[in-house]
C-alpha cells in the first residue's frame, strides 16, 4: 500500500511556516551583513603588513574555517554567557556565531579580490601621494568588489542554508517551525518537502537576481 500524500497539513500551518521563513531571511540578511563587515576587517588586518594584526587575523580565519558551525553556535550560546555573564537570545547567539564564521570565509574572498588588483595601480596611487587607507578605499576596493560578486554569492547561499542550525537553539526559523508542525501533524514527509521547496524558491530567485547584478557590473567594466 502506497503512501497517501496530504499537503493539506502544509496549507493549514502555512502561516507558521511563512513566519519561520521570514525569521530565516532576517537571520540570513543580518548574518551576511555581519559576515561582510567581519570579513573585510579580517582581510584588511591580514593584508596590512603589521604582524600584531596580520597573525591574529590569520589565526581567527583558519580556526573559524576549520571548526564546525554547529560547535561554534553551541559555544556562543552556552559557553560565552559563562565567560561574559551575559545571557544571549537564540537570535543574537546565532547571529554572532554565523557572522564570525561566515566572516572568516568572506575574508578570504576579500583577500583574493584585493590581491587580484594589478601592482601597477598600487604604485601609481603611491606616486600620487595617496595613503594606504585612501588607496584601499578609492582605488582597490571599488574594483575588487566587482570581481568578488560570484564568490560572495556562493558563500552567501551557503550561509542561508547554514541558518537551519539555529533550530538547535530553539530560534523560530523555518526548520524549527517545520519540526514543530511535523511533531503535531505526524506528517514529516509533506512538511519537510515544503521546507525544501521553500528554500529552493528563495535561493533560486536570489540567484537570478544576483546574476543580473553581476551581468550589469560586467557591462560597466568589471
N, C-alpha and C. Protein backbone atom coordinates (compact mmCIF):
# COMPACT_ATOMS: atom_id res chain seq x y z
N UNK A 1 0.84 -1.20 0.00
CA UNK A 1 0.00 0.00 0.00
C UNK A 1 0.87 1.24 0.00
N UNK A 2 0.65 2.14 -0.99
CA UNK A 2 1.48 3.32 -1.14
C UNK A 2 1.16 4.40 -0.10
N UNK A 3 2.08 5.30 0.01
CA UNK A 3 1.92 6.41 0.96
C UNK A 3 0.90 7.40 0.41
N UNK A 4 -0.02 7.83 1.25
CA UNK A 4 -1.06 8.79 0.84
C UNK A 4 -0.60 10.20 1.20
N UNK A 5 -0.15 10.92 0.19
CA UNK A 5 0.32 12.29 0.42
C UNK A 5 -0.86 13.19 0.81
N UNK A 6 -0.58 14.09 1.73
CA UNK A 6 -1.61 15.04 2.17
C UNK A 6 -0.95 16.38 2.48
N UNK A 7 -0.89 17.25 1.47
CA UNK A 7 -0.30 18.57 1.67
C UNK A 7 -1.28 19.55 2.29
N UNK A 8 -2.46 19.04 2.66
CA UNK A 8 -3.40 19.89 3.36
C UNK A 8 -2.86 20.38 4.69
N UNK A 9 -1.99 19.55 5.33
CA UNK A 9 -1.40 19.96 6.61
C UNK A 9 -0.47 21.15 6.41
N UNK A 10 0.18 21.18 5.26
CA UNK A 10 1.06 22.31 4.96
C UNK A 10 0.23 23.58 4.79
N UNK A 11 -0.90 23.46 4.10
CA UNK A 11 -1.77 24.61 3.89
C UNK A 11 -2.31 25.11 5.23
N UNK A 12 -2.70 24.20 6.10
CA UNK A 12 -3.26 24.60 7.39
C UNK A 12 -2.25 25.34 8.26
N UNK A 13 -1.01 24.91 8.18
CA UNK A 13 0.02 25.52 9.01
C UNK A 13 0.92 26.47 8.21
N UNK A 14 0.43 26.88 7.05
CA UNK A 14 1.24 27.76 6.19
C UNK A 14 1.63 29.08 6.89
N UNK A 15 0.73 29.73 7.64
CA UNK A 15 1.16 30.96 8.33
C UNK A 15 2.35 30.75 9.26
N UNK A 16 2.37 29.61 9.99
CA UNK A 16 3.50 29.33 10.87
C UNK A 16 4.79 29.12 10.07
N UNK A 17 4.68 28.40 8.96
CA UNK A 17 5.85 28.14 8.13
C UNK A 17 6.36 29.42 7.47
N UNK A 18 5.44 30.27 7.02
CA UNK A 18 5.85 31.54 6.42
C UNK A 18 6.52 32.45 7.44
N UNK A 19 6.00 32.41 8.68
CA UNK A 19 6.63 33.19 9.74
C UNK A 19 8.05 32.68 9.99
N UNK A 20 8.23 31.38 9.95
CA UNK A 20 9.57 30.81 10.10
C UNK A 20 10.48 31.21 8.95
N UNK A 21 9.91 31.27 7.73
CA UNK A 21 10.70 31.68 6.57
C UNK A 21 11.15 33.13 6.72
N UNK A 22 10.27 33.97 7.21
CA UNK A 22 10.64 35.38 7.44
C UNK A 22 11.77 35.47 8.46
N UNK A 23 11.68 34.68 9.53
CA UNK A 23 12.75 34.67 10.53
C UNK A 23 14.06 34.17 9.94
N UNK A 24 13.98 33.21 9.05
CA UNK A 24 15.17 32.71 8.37
C UNK A 24 15.81 33.81 7.54
N UNK A 25 14.99 34.55 6.80
CA UNK A 25 15.51 35.63 5.96
C UNK A 25 16.12 36.74 6.80
N UNK A 26 15.49 37.05 7.93
CA UNK A 26 16.03 38.09 8.81
C UNK A 26 17.40 37.68 9.33
N UNK A 27 17.51 36.45 9.81
CA UNK A 27 18.78 35.95 10.31
C UNK A 27 19.83 35.90 9.20
N UNK A 28 19.40 35.51 8.01
CA UNK A 28 20.33 35.41 6.87
C UNK A 28 20.89 36.77 6.50
N UNK A 29 20.00 37.75 6.34
CA UNK A 29 20.45 39.09 5.95
C UNK A 29 21.35 39.70 7.01
N UNK A 30 20.96 39.56 8.28
CA UNK A 30 21.77 40.10 9.37
C UNK A 30 23.14 39.42 9.43
N UNK A 31 23.18 38.11 9.21
CA UNK A 31 24.44 37.37 9.28
C UNK A 31 25.33 37.68 8.08
N UNK A 32 24.74 37.87 6.92
CA UNK A 32 25.53 38.25 5.74
C UNK A 32 26.15 39.62 5.95
N UNK A 33 25.35 40.57 6.45
CA UNK A 33 25.87 41.91 6.71
C UNK A 33 26.99 41.86 7.75
N UNK A 34 26.76 41.12 8.84
CA UNK A 34 27.79 40.99 9.87
C UNK A 34 29.02 40.28 9.34
N UNK A 35 28.80 39.24 8.53
CA UNK A 35 29.92 38.50 7.97
C UNK A 35 30.77 39.33 7.02
N UNK A 36 30.12 40.18 6.23
CA UNK A 36 30.87 41.04 5.31
C UNK A 36 31.74 42.03 6.09
N UNK A 37 31.18 42.58 7.16
CA UNK A 37 31.96 43.52 7.97
C UNK A 37 33.13 42.82 8.64
N UNK A 38 32.86 41.67 9.26
CA UNK A 38 33.94 40.91 9.91
C UNK A 38 34.98 40.48 8.88
N UNK A 39 34.51 40.01 7.73
CA UNK A 39 35.43 39.56 6.69
C UNK A 39 36.32 40.67 6.17
N UNK A 40 35.74 41.85 5.96
CA UNK A 40 36.53 42.98 5.48
C UNK A 40 37.59 43.37 6.50
N UNK A 41 37.21 43.43 7.77
CA UNK A 41 38.17 43.80 8.82
C UNK A 41 39.29 42.76 8.94
N UNK A 42 38.93 41.48 8.87
CA UNK A 42 39.95 40.43 8.95
C UNK A 42 40.88 40.48 7.74
N UNK A 43 40.32 40.70 6.55
CA UNK A 43 41.14 40.76 5.35
C UNK A 43 42.10 41.94 5.39
N UNK A 44 41.60 43.11 5.80
CA UNK A 44 42.46 44.28 5.89
C UNK A 44 43.55 44.08 6.94
N UNK A 45 43.19 43.46 8.08
CA UNK A 45 44.19 43.20 9.11
C UNK A 45 45.26 42.23 8.60
N UNK A 46 44.83 41.23 7.83
CA UNK A 46 45.80 40.26 7.33
C UNK A 46 46.72 40.86 6.27
N UNK A 47 46.23 41.84 5.52
CA UNK A 47 47.00 42.41 4.42
C UNK A 47 47.77 43.67 4.80
N UNK A 48 47.58 44.18 6.00
CA UNK A 48 48.16 45.47 6.36
C UNK A 48 49.67 45.43 6.54
N UNK A 49 50.24 44.23 6.73
CA UNK A 49 51.68 44.13 6.89
C UNK A 49 52.16 44.30 8.31
N UNK A 50 51.27 44.54 9.25
CA UNK A 50 51.63 44.67 10.66
C UNK A 50 51.41 43.32 11.33
N UNK A 51 52.46 42.68 11.81
CA UNK A 51 52.34 41.32 12.33
C UNK A 51 51.40 41.23 13.52
N UNK A 52 51.36 42.27 14.33
CA UNK A 52 50.49 42.27 15.51
C UNK A 52 49.02 42.19 15.11
N UNK A 53 48.71 42.55 13.87
CA UNK A 53 47.35 42.45 13.36
C UNK A 53 47.17 41.27 12.41
N UNK A 54 48.15 41.07 11.54
CA UNK A 54 48.00 40.05 10.49
C UNK A 54 48.00 38.63 11.04
N UNK A 55 48.86 38.35 12.03
CA UNK A 55 48.91 36.98 12.57
C UNK A 55 47.65 36.60 13.34
N UNK A 56 47.14 37.45 14.25
CA UNK A 56 45.87 37.11 14.90
C UNK A 56 44.71 36.97 13.91
N UNK A 57 44.68 37.83 12.89
CA UNK A 57 43.61 37.74 11.89
C UNK A 57 43.68 36.41 11.15
N UNK A 58 44.89 36.01 10.79
CA UNK A 58 45.05 34.72 10.11
C UNK A 58 44.64 33.56 11.01
N UNK A 59 44.98 33.66 12.30
CA UNK A 59 44.62 32.59 13.24
C UNK A 59 43.10 32.48 13.36
N UNK A 60 42.41 33.62 13.45
CA UNK A 60 40.95 33.61 13.55
C UNK A 60 40.34 33.00 12.30
N UNK A 61 40.84 33.40 11.14
CA UNK A 61 40.32 32.88 9.87
C UNK A 61 40.47 31.37 9.80
N UNK A 62 41.66 30.89 10.09
CA UNK A 62 41.92 29.45 10.00
C UNK A 62 41.10 28.66 11.01
N UNK A 63 40.99 29.19 12.23
CA UNK A 63 40.24 28.49 13.27
C UNK A 63 38.76 28.41 12.91
N UNK A 64 38.17 29.51 12.48
CA UNK A 64 36.74 29.52 12.17
C UNK A 64 36.42 28.69 10.95
N UNK A 65 37.32 28.62 10.01
CA UNK A 65 37.08 27.81 8.81
C UNK A 65 37.25 26.32 9.09
N UNK A 66 38.04 25.98 10.12
CA UNK A 66 38.37 24.57 10.38
C UNK A 66 37.48 23.92 11.43
N UNK A 67 36.61 24.69 12.08
CA UNK A 67 35.74 24.12 13.11
C UNK A 67 34.29 24.11 12.63
N UNK A 68 33.51 23.13 13.05
CA UNK A 68 32.12 23.00 12.57
C UNK A 68 31.25 24.16 13.04
N UNK A 69 30.38 24.68 12.17
CA UNK A 69 29.49 25.78 12.55
C UNK A 69 28.61 25.45 13.75
N UNK A 70 28.17 24.20 13.86
CA UNK A 70 27.30 23.82 14.97
C UNK A 70 28.03 23.94 16.30
N UNK A 71 29.31 23.56 16.32
CA UNK A 71 30.10 23.69 17.55
C UNK A 71 30.25 25.16 17.92
N UNK A 72 30.51 26.01 16.92
CA UNK A 72 30.63 27.44 17.16
C UNK A 72 29.32 28.01 17.69
N UNK A 73 28.22 27.54 17.13
CA UNK A 73 26.90 28.01 17.56
C UNK A 73 26.65 27.64 19.03
N UNK A 74 26.95 26.41 19.39
CA UNK A 74 26.76 25.97 20.77
C UNK A 74 27.69 26.72 21.72
N UNK A 75 28.92 26.98 21.27
CA UNK A 75 29.87 27.67 22.14
C UNK A 75 29.37 29.08 22.45
N UNK A 76 28.90 29.78 21.42
CA UNK A 76 28.42 31.15 21.63
C UNK A 76 27.19 31.16 22.53
N UNK A 77 26.28 30.20 22.34
CA UNK A 77 25.02 30.21 23.08
C UNK A 77 25.16 29.70 24.51
N UNK A 78 25.98 28.64 24.69
CA UNK A 78 26.07 28.02 26.01
C UNK A 78 27.33 28.42 26.79
N UNK A 79 28.46 28.55 26.09
CA UNK A 79 29.73 28.82 26.79
C UNK A 79 30.02 30.30 26.97
N UNK A 80 29.76 31.11 25.94
CA UNK A 80 30.07 32.53 26.03
C UNK A 80 29.38 33.22 27.20
N UNK A 81 28.11 32.92 27.49
CA UNK A 81 27.49 33.54 28.67
C UNK A 81 28.18 33.18 29.98
N UNK A 82 28.79 31.98 30.03
CA UNK A 82 29.52 31.60 31.24
C UNK A 82 30.76 32.47 31.43
N UNK A 83 31.35 32.89 30.31
CA UNK A 83 32.55 33.72 30.36
C UNK A 83 32.20 35.19 30.58
N UNK A 84 31.18 35.65 29.85
CA UNK A 84 30.85 37.08 29.86
C UNK A 84 29.83 37.44 30.93
N UNK A 85 29.05 36.46 31.37
CA UNK A 85 28.00 36.75 32.33
C UNK A 85 26.77 37.37 31.70
N UNK A 86 26.73 37.40 30.37
CA UNK A 86 25.60 38.00 29.64
C UNK A 86 24.86 36.90 28.91
N UNK A 87 23.58 36.73 29.23
CA UNK A 87 22.76 35.73 28.54
C UNK A 87 22.39 36.23 27.15
N UNK A 88 22.46 35.36 26.18
CA UNK A 88 22.17 35.72 24.80
C UNK A 88 20.89 35.05 24.34
N UNK A 89 20.08 35.78 23.60
CA UNK A 89 18.89 35.19 23.00
C UNK A 89 19.32 34.26 21.86
N UNK A 90 18.47 33.31 21.47
CA UNK A 90 18.84 32.44 20.35
C UNK A 90 19.19 33.20 19.08
N UNK A 91 18.46 34.30 18.80
CA UNK A 91 18.76 35.07 17.59
C UNK A 91 20.13 35.72 17.67
N UNK A 92 20.44 36.38 18.77
CA UNK A 92 21.73 37.06 18.91
C UNK A 92 22.87 36.05 18.87
N UNK A 93 22.70 34.92 19.55
CA UNK A 93 23.75 33.90 19.55
C UNK A 93 23.99 33.37 18.14
N UNK A 94 22.90 33.07 17.43
CA UNK A 94 23.04 32.57 16.06
C UNK A 94 23.67 33.62 15.16
N UNK A 95 23.24 34.88 15.34
CA UNK A 95 23.78 35.95 14.51
C UNK A 95 25.28 36.13 14.75
N UNK A 96 25.71 36.14 16.00
CA UNK A 96 27.13 36.30 16.30
C UNK A 96 27.95 35.15 15.72
N UNK A 97 27.50 33.93 15.96
CA UNK A 97 28.25 32.76 15.50
C UNK A 97 28.33 32.73 13.98
N UNK A 98 27.21 32.94 13.31
CA UNK A 98 27.19 32.87 11.85
C UNK A 98 27.94 34.04 11.22
N UNK A 99 27.90 35.21 11.86
CA UNK A 99 28.62 36.37 11.32
C UNK A 99 30.12 36.14 11.35
N UNK A 100 30.63 35.65 12.47
CA UNK A 100 32.07 35.42 12.59
C UNK A 100 32.49 34.25 11.70
N UNK A 101 31.67 33.19 11.70
CA UNK A 101 32.02 32.02 10.89
C UNK A 101 32.04 32.36 9.41
N UNK A 102 31.01 33.05 8.94
CA UNK A 102 30.98 33.43 7.52
C UNK A 102 32.01 34.51 7.23
N UNK A 103 32.31 35.37 8.25
CA UNK A 103 33.32 36.39 8.06
C UNK A 103 34.68 35.81 7.73
N UNK A 104 35.00 34.65 8.31
CA UNK A 104 36.27 34.01 8.01
C UNK A 104 36.36 33.61 6.54
N UNK A 105 35.25 33.16 5.98
CA UNK A 105 35.24 32.80 4.56
C UNK A 105 35.19 34.04 3.68
N UNK A 106 34.40 35.03 4.07
CA UNK A 106 34.36 36.27 3.31
C UNK A 106 35.74 36.94 3.30
N UNK A 107 36.50 36.80 4.40
CA UNK A 107 37.83 37.42 4.47
C UNK A 107 38.73 36.89 3.36
N UNK A 108 38.64 35.59 3.10
CA UNK A 108 39.47 35.01 2.04
C UNK A 108 39.02 35.48 0.66
N UNK A 109 37.73 35.71 0.50
CA UNK A 109 37.24 36.25 -0.76
C UNK A 109 37.76 37.68 -0.94
N UNK A 110 37.66 38.48 0.12
CA UNK A 110 38.20 39.84 0.07
C UNK A 110 39.69 39.83 -0.25
N UNK A 111 40.42 38.96 0.42
CA UNK A 111 41.87 38.91 0.23
C UNK A 111 42.22 38.56 -1.21
N UNK A 112 41.53 37.56 -1.78
CA UNK A 112 41.80 37.17 -3.16
C UNK A 112 41.44 38.30 -4.12
N UNK A 113 40.32 38.98 -3.86
CA UNK A 113 39.92 40.07 -4.73
C UNK A 113 40.90 41.23 -4.68
N UNK A 114 41.35 41.57 -3.48
CA UNK A 114 42.32 42.66 -3.34
C UNK A 114 43.65 42.29 -4.00
N UNK A 115 44.07 41.03 -3.82
CA UNK A 115 45.33 40.58 -4.41
C UNK A 115 45.28 40.55 -5.93
N UNK A 116 44.06 40.51 -6.50
CA UNK A 116 43.94 40.45 -7.96
C UNK A 116 44.17 41.81 -8.64
N UNK A 117 44.20 42.88 -7.85
CA UNK A 117 44.43 44.19 -8.42
C UNK A 117 45.91 44.32 -8.83
N UNK A 118 46.15 44.80 -10.02
CA UNK A 118 47.50 44.86 -10.57
C UNK A 118 48.42 45.73 -9.71
N UNK A 119 49.66 45.29 -9.49
CA UNK A 119 50.61 46.06 -8.68
C UNK A 119 50.84 47.47 -9.19
N UNK A 120 50.71 47.65 -10.51
CA UNK A 120 50.92 48.97 -11.09
C UNK A 120 49.96 50.01 -10.54
N UNK A 121 48.75 49.57 -10.19
CA UNK A 121 47.78 50.52 -9.65
C UNK A 121 48.18 50.97 -8.24
N UNK A 122 48.75 50.05 -7.47
CA UNK A 122 49.25 50.42 -6.15
C UNK A 122 50.39 51.43 -6.28
N UNK A 123 51.31 51.14 -7.21
CA UNK A 123 52.46 52.02 -7.39
C UNK A 123 52.04 53.40 -7.87
N UNK A 124 51.09 53.44 -8.80
CA UNK A 124 50.63 54.72 -9.31
C UNK A 124 49.93 55.53 -8.21
N UNK A 125 49.17 54.84 -7.38
CA UNK A 125 48.47 55.53 -6.29
C UNK A 125 49.46 56.10 -5.27
N UNK A 126 50.50 55.33 -4.98
CA UNK A 126 51.52 55.82 -4.04
C UNK A 126 52.27 57.01 -4.64
N UNK A 127 52.50 56.94 -5.96
CA UNK A 127 53.19 58.05 -6.62
C UNK A 127 52.38 59.33 -6.55
N UNK A 128 51.05 59.20 -6.47
CA UNK A 128 50.18 60.37 -6.34
C UNK A 128 50.08 60.87 -4.91
N UNK A 129 50.75 60.17 -4.00
CA UNK A 129 50.76 60.60 -2.61
C UNK A 129 49.62 60.07 -1.76
N UNK A 130 48.88 59.07 -2.28
CA UNK A 130 47.77 58.52 -1.51
C UNK A 130 48.29 57.58 -0.43
N UNK A 131 47.64 57.62 0.72
CA UNK A 131 47.98 56.71 1.79
C UNK A 131 47.30 55.37 1.58
N UNK A 132 47.73 54.37 2.41
CA UNK A 132 47.22 53.01 2.24
C UNK A 132 45.71 52.95 2.36
N UNK A 133 45.16 53.65 3.34
CA UNK A 133 43.71 53.62 3.55
C UNK A 133 42.99 54.24 2.35
N UNK A 134 43.51 55.34 1.83
CA UNK A 134 42.88 56.00 0.67
C UNK A 134 42.99 55.14 -0.58
N UNK A 135 44.13 54.49 -0.74
CA UNK A 135 44.29 53.59 -1.90
C UNK A 135 43.27 52.46 -1.83
N UNK A 136 43.13 51.89 -0.64
CA UNK A 136 42.19 50.78 -0.47
C UNK A 136 40.76 51.25 -0.72
N UNK A 137 40.42 52.41 -0.20
CA UNK A 137 39.04 52.88 -0.28
C UNK A 137 38.65 53.36 -1.67
N UNK A 138 39.54 54.09 -2.33
CA UNK A 138 39.17 54.75 -3.58
C UNK A 138 39.65 54.03 -4.84
N UNK A 139 40.65 53.18 -4.71
CA UNK A 139 41.23 52.54 -5.90
C UNK A 139 40.99 51.04 -5.92
N UNK A 140 41.38 50.36 -4.83
CA UNK A 140 41.39 48.90 -4.83
C UNK A 140 40.01 48.29 -4.61
N UNK A 141 39.36 48.66 -3.51
CA UNK A 141 38.09 48.01 -3.18
C UNK A 141 37.00 48.19 -4.24
N UNK A 142 36.83 49.39 -4.84
CA UNK A 142 35.78 49.50 -5.87
C UNK A 142 35.96 48.53 -7.02
N UNK A 143 37.21 48.24 -7.39
CA UNK A 143 37.45 47.28 -8.46
C UNK A 143 37.34 45.85 -7.96
N UNK A 144 37.89 45.60 -6.77
CA UNK A 144 37.91 44.24 -6.23
C UNK A 144 36.51 43.72 -5.96
N UNK A 145 35.63 44.58 -5.45
CA UNK A 145 34.27 44.14 -5.11
C UNK A 145 33.55 43.60 -6.34
N UNK A 146 33.73 44.26 -7.47
CA UNK A 146 33.06 43.79 -8.70
C UNK A 146 33.55 42.40 -9.08
N UNK A 147 34.80 42.11 -8.81
CA UNK A 147 35.34 40.80 -9.15
C UNK A 147 34.94 39.72 -8.13
N UNK A 148 34.43 40.15 -7.00
CA UNK A 148 34.12 39.21 -5.93
C UNK A 148 32.64 38.84 -5.86
N UNK A 149 31.83 39.36 -6.77
CA UNK A 149 30.39 39.13 -6.69
C UNK A 149 30.05 37.64 -6.71
N UNK A 150 30.64 36.90 -7.64
CA UNK A 150 30.33 35.47 -7.77
C UNK A 150 30.71 34.67 -6.53
N UNK A 151 31.95 34.77 -6.02
CA UNK A 151 32.27 34.01 -4.79
C UNK A 151 31.49 34.49 -3.58
N UNK A 152 31.19 35.78 -3.50
CA UNK A 152 30.36 36.27 -2.41
C UNK A 152 28.98 35.65 -2.46
N UNK A 153 28.42 35.56 -3.67
CA UNK A 153 27.09 34.99 -3.83
C UNK A 153 27.06 33.53 -3.39
N UNK A 154 28.06 32.77 -3.81
CA UNK A 154 28.12 31.36 -3.43
C UNK A 154 28.22 31.20 -1.92
N UNK A 155 29.06 32.03 -1.29
CA UNK A 155 29.22 31.94 0.16
C UNK A 155 27.96 32.37 0.89
N UNK A 156 27.28 33.41 0.36
CA UNK A 156 26.04 33.87 0.98
C UNK A 156 24.97 32.79 0.93
N UNK A 157 24.90 32.06 -0.18
CA UNK A 157 23.92 30.98 -0.29
C UNK A 157 24.21 29.88 0.73
N UNK A 158 25.49 29.55 0.91
CA UNK A 158 25.86 28.56 1.92
C UNK A 158 25.45 29.03 3.31
N UNK A 159 25.60 30.32 3.54
CA UNK A 159 25.23 30.87 4.85
C UNK A 159 23.73 30.75 5.08
N UNK A 160 22.93 31.05 4.06
CA UNK A 160 21.47 30.94 4.20
C UNK A 160 21.09 29.51 4.57
N UNK A 161 21.71 28.55 3.94
CA UNK A 161 21.40 27.15 4.26
C UNK A 161 21.90 26.75 5.65
N UNK A 162 22.98 27.40 6.10
CA UNK A 162 23.51 27.09 7.42
C UNK A 162 22.62 27.62 8.53
N UNK A 163 21.77 28.60 8.23
CA UNK A 163 20.90 29.17 9.27
C UNK A 163 19.96 28.14 9.87
N UNK A 164 19.75 27.01 9.21
CA UNK A 164 18.88 25.98 9.79
C UNK A 164 19.44 25.45 11.10
N UNK A 165 20.75 25.62 11.31
CA UNK A 165 21.35 25.16 12.57
C UNK A 165 20.81 25.94 13.76
N UNK A 166 20.27 27.13 13.51
CA UNK A 166 19.70 27.92 14.60
C UNK A 166 18.50 27.23 15.22
N UNK A 167 17.94 26.25 14.53
CA UNK A 167 16.82 25.49 15.09
C UNK A 167 17.24 24.75 16.35
N UNK A 168 18.53 24.41 16.45
CA UNK A 168 19.01 23.70 17.63
C UNK A 168 19.01 24.60 18.87
N UNK A 169 18.90 25.91 18.67
CA UNK A 169 18.83 26.86 19.78
C UNK A 169 17.40 27.29 20.05
N UNK A 170 16.44 26.66 19.38
CA UNK A 170 15.02 26.99 19.51
C UNK A 170 14.70 28.37 18.96
N UNK A 171 15.51 28.83 18.00
CA UNK A 171 15.15 30.06 17.28
C UNK A 171 14.09 29.70 16.24
N UNK A 172 13.05 30.51 16.15
CA UNK A 172 11.90 30.15 15.33
C UNK A 172 12.06 30.35 13.85
N UNK A 173 13.15 29.81 13.28
CA UNK A 173 13.31 29.91 11.82
C UNK A 173 12.52 28.79 11.14
N UNK A 174 12.68 28.66 9.85
CA UNK A 174 11.82 27.77 9.07
C UNK A 174 11.90 26.32 9.51
N UNK A 175 13.10 25.80 9.70
CA UNK A 175 13.23 24.40 10.08
C UNK A 175 12.62 24.14 11.46
N UNK A 176 12.85 25.06 12.39
CA UNK A 176 12.29 24.88 13.73
C UNK A 176 10.77 24.84 13.68
N UNK A 177 10.17 25.76 12.92
CA UNK A 177 8.71 25.75 12.79
C UNK A 177 8.24 24.48 12.10
N UNK A 178 9.00 24.01 11.12
CA UNK A 178 8.63 22.78 10.42
C UNK A 178 8.70 21.58 11.38
N UNK A 179 9.71 21.54 12.22
CA UNK A 179 9.82 20.44 13.19
C UNK A 179 8.62 20.44 14.14
N UNK A 180 8.19 21.63 14.54
CA UNK A 180 7.03 21.74 15.42
C UNK A 180 5.78 21.24 14.72
N UNK A 181 5.58 21.67 13.48
CA UNK A 181 4.39 21.26 12.71
C UNK A 181 4.41 19.75 12.48
N UNK A 182 5.59 19.22 12.14
CA UNK A 182 5.69 17.77 11.88
C UNK A 182 5.37 16.96 13.13
N UNK A 183 5.79 17.45 14.30
CA UNK A 183 5.52 16.73 15.53
C UNK A 183 4.03 16.77 15.90
N UNK A 184 3.32 17.80 15.44
CA UNK A 184 1.89 17.92 15.73
C UNK A 184 1.05 17.09 14.76
N UNK A 185 1.44 17.14 13.49
CA UNK A 185 0.61 16.52 12.44
C UNK A 185 1.03 15.09 12.10
N UNK A 186 2.24 14.69 12.53
CA UNK A 186 2.78 13.39 12.14
C UNK A 186 2.86 13.25 10.62
N UNK A 187 3.18 14.37 9.97
CA UNK A 187 3.33 14.39 8.51
C UNK A 187 4.69 14.99 8.14
N UNK A 188 5.79 14.37 8.58
CA UNK A 188 7.11 14.95 8.29
C UNK A 188 7.45 14.98 6.81
N UNK A 189 6.96 14.01 6.04
CA UNK A 189 7.30 13.96 4.62
C UNK A 189 6.80 15.20 3.89
N UNK A 190 5.54 15.55 4.12
CA UNK A 190 4.98 16.72 3.45
C UNK A 190 5.59 18.01 3.97
N UNK A 191 5.77 18.07 5.29
CA UNK A 191 6.26 19.32 5.89
C UNK A 191 7.70 19.60 5.45
N UNK A 192 8.58 18.60 5.52
CA UNK A 192 9.97 18.83 5.16
C UNK A 192 10.15 18.99 3.65
N UNK A 193 9.24 18.39 2.89
CA UNK A 193 9.26 18.63 1.44
C UNK A 193 8.93 20.09 1.16
N UNK A 194 7.96 20.63 1.89
CA UNK A 194 7.60 22.04 1.73
C UNK A 194 8.76 22.95 2.12
N UNK A 195 9.50 22.58 3.16
CA UNK A 195 10.67 23.36 3.58
C UNK A 195 11.72 23.37 2.47
N UNK A 196 11.99 22.20 1.91
CA UNK A 196 12.98 22.11 0.83
C UNK A 196 12.56 22.96 -0.37
N UNK A 197 11.28 22.89 -0.72
CA UNK A 197 10.77 23.69 -1.84
C UNK A 197 10.88 25.18 -1.52
N UNK A 198 10.60 25.54 -0.28
CA UNK A 198 10.71 26.95 0.12
C UNK A 198 12.12 27.48 -0.04
N UNK A 199 13.10 26.72 0.43
CA UNK A 199 14.50 27.14 0.26
C UNK A 199 14.87 27.21 -1.21
N UNK A 200 14.39 26.24 -1.99
CA UNK A 200 14.70 26.22 -3.42
C UNK A 200 14.17 27.48 -4.10
N UNK A 201 12.95 27.85 -3.80
CA UNK A 201 12.34 29.03 -4.44
C UNK A 201 13.09 30.30 -4.05
N UNK A 202 13.37 30.45 -2.76
CA UNK A 202 14.04 31.67 -2.29
C UNK A 202 15.44 31.79 -2.89
N UNK A 203 16.22 30.72 -2.84
CA UNK A 203 17.60 30.79 -3.32
C UNK A 203 17.67 30.89 -4.84
N UNK A 204 16.73 30.27 -5.53
CA UNK A 204 16.71 30.38 -6.99
C UNK A 204 16.37 31.81 -7.41
N UNK A 205 15.38 32.41 -6.75
CA UNK A 205 15.02 33.80 -7.06
C UNK A 205 16.19 34.73 -6.77
N UNK A 206 16.87 34.52 -5.64
CA UNK A 206 18.02 35.35 -5.30
C UNK A 206 19.15 35.15 -6.30
N UNK A 207 19.34 33.92 -6.75
CA UNK A 207 20.39 33.64 -7.72
C UNK A 207 20.13 34.36 -9.04
N UNK A 208 18.90 34.33 -9.50
CA UNK A 208 18.57 35.01 -10.76
C UNK A 208 18.79 36.52 -10.64
N UNK A 209 18.40 37.07 -9.49
CA UNK A 209 18.59 38.50 -9.29
C UNK A 209 20.06 38.88 -9.25
N UNK A 210 20.87 38.08 -8.56
CA UNK A 210 22.29 38.39 -8.45
C UNK A 210 23.02 38.18 -9.77
N UNK A 211 22.54 37.26 -10.59
CA UNK A 211 23.15 37.09 -11.91
C UNK A 211 22.94 38.34 -12.76
N UNK A 212 21.79 38.96 -12.63
CA UNK A 212 21.53 40.19 -13.36
C UNK A 212 22.43 41.31 -12.86
N UNK A 213 22.63 41.36 -11.54
CA UNK A 213 23.54 42.37 -10.97
C UNK A 213 24.96 42.14 -11.48
N UNK A 214 25.39 40.88 -11.48
CA UNK A 214 26.74 40.57 -11.94
C UNK A 214 26.92 40.92 -13.40
N UNK A 215 25.90 40.63 -14.23
CA UNK A 215 25.97 40.97 -15.64
C UNK A 215 26.04 42.48 -15.85
N UNK A 216 25.31 43.22 -15.05
CA UNK A 216 25.34 44.68 -15.17
C UNK A 216 26.69 45.23 -14.75
N UNK A 217 27.29 44.65 -13.71
CA UNK A 217 28.61 45.10 -13.29
C UNK A 217 29.66 44.82 -14.37
N UNK A 218 29.55 43.67 -15.03
CA UNK A 218 30.48 43.36 -16.12
C UNK A 218 30.30 44.34 -17.27
N UNK A 219 29.05 44.74 -17.51
CA UNK A 219 28.77 45.69 -18.59
C UNK A 219 29.40 47.05 -18.33
N UNK A 220 29.54 47.37 -17.03
CA UNK A 220 30.11 48.67 -16.67
C UNK A 220 31.61 48.59 -16.40
N UNK A 221 32.21 47.50 -16.88
CA UNK A 221 33.67 47.46 -16.83
C UNK A 221 34.29 46.68 -15.70
N UNK A 222 33.51 45.70 -15.14
CA UNK A 222 34.09 44.89 -14.06
C UNK A 222 35.24 44.07 -14.58
